[in-house]
Amino acid sequence: MLGDSDTAVIEMAAASGLHHVSPELRNPLNTTSYGTGELIVAALERGVKRIILGIGGSATNDGGAGMMQALGVILRDKQGRSLSPGGEALAALASIDLSGCHPLLRKVSITVACDVNNPLCGPQGASAIFGPQKGATAEMVNTLDAALENWGRHIYQATGREVINAPGAGAAGGMGAALLGLLNAELRAGVEIVVETLQLEQAVKDADLVITGEGRLDSQSICGKTPIGVARVAKRYHKPVIALAGGLQHDHHVVYQQGIDAALSILSHIVTLPEALHEAEYNLSLSARNVAAIWRLARQA
């Protein structure tokens, strides 16, 4: 909850995140976003007026169907039976019953932090692009893509909203489709929401130096990621920007054209990913200390 208690911030990954499923158990045919729906229900029942939902890092490929089931929507097959959880089950979907949808949804606005523009289906869709990292084989990708296409068709039949090709519909295993088509949510770049919610412009305006960062800086960092969003705000006020990252890829130099003046890795030597994560707090603290020292020396010169 934010300070005014009218806004709930929900992270999908807290309930439906890939990190909750060990690699050998990952199977996007069966994983469900039901837990994310339960978090939304909890927020609704606390009387919030606005929900900010972050949808990165999901283990699911169910198009947000599980989330909608948790919110009271009934999904049925041709025999009128309720569908089982998981993306594969959507191949048998024959109807979407919205009559039992949680009544408090009508009283809230939902803003979604979404940093991808992938459509629901096809070569750039949820299953093809993100399915493999969730454990999908090539055969599973085809199965899930067909199931999500059926999901998208039925969303259109139920609401008149076309989501199969909508930008962002493929985010978080297709959850973007349910959010756009069934919950009429607004999808926005995550950094835009952060800048607005934290009133970042005012903080930057009064700063001498802006420090930002992310896990890894590379060519994808310029595609709506937080460091570039922060840098763009900083450059409006002619403030210098330093980015700290867990790693710098060979193509990270593109960030220098987007407002970042210097980029530094917090790692001092080659380590494994588990080691880097274990030492991240110490390494980040040490790097920030050194940046501050260099900045102080430069100002004294």
Foldseek 3Di string as FASTA:
>chain_A
DDPVLQEEEEELCVFFALVVAPQVRQDQQAGASLRVLVVVVVSLVSPHAEYEYEQPGGLYQQLCPNSQVNQQKFWAFPVRDGFHGGLLRLLRTDAIHCPGGHPSLVRHAYEYAFLFFFACADCRAQLNPPVVVSPDDPVNSVSNRSSSVSVQVNLCVVAVDRGRGGTRCRGNNRPNSCCCRPSVHHYDHNLVVVCVVVVLLVVLLPDQAAEEEEAEAAPCCCRSHNQLSSQVSNVVNPHAYEYEYCYYDPHRVVVCVRRHVYYYYLDPDDDDPVVSVVCVVVSVVVVVVVVVVVVVVVVVD
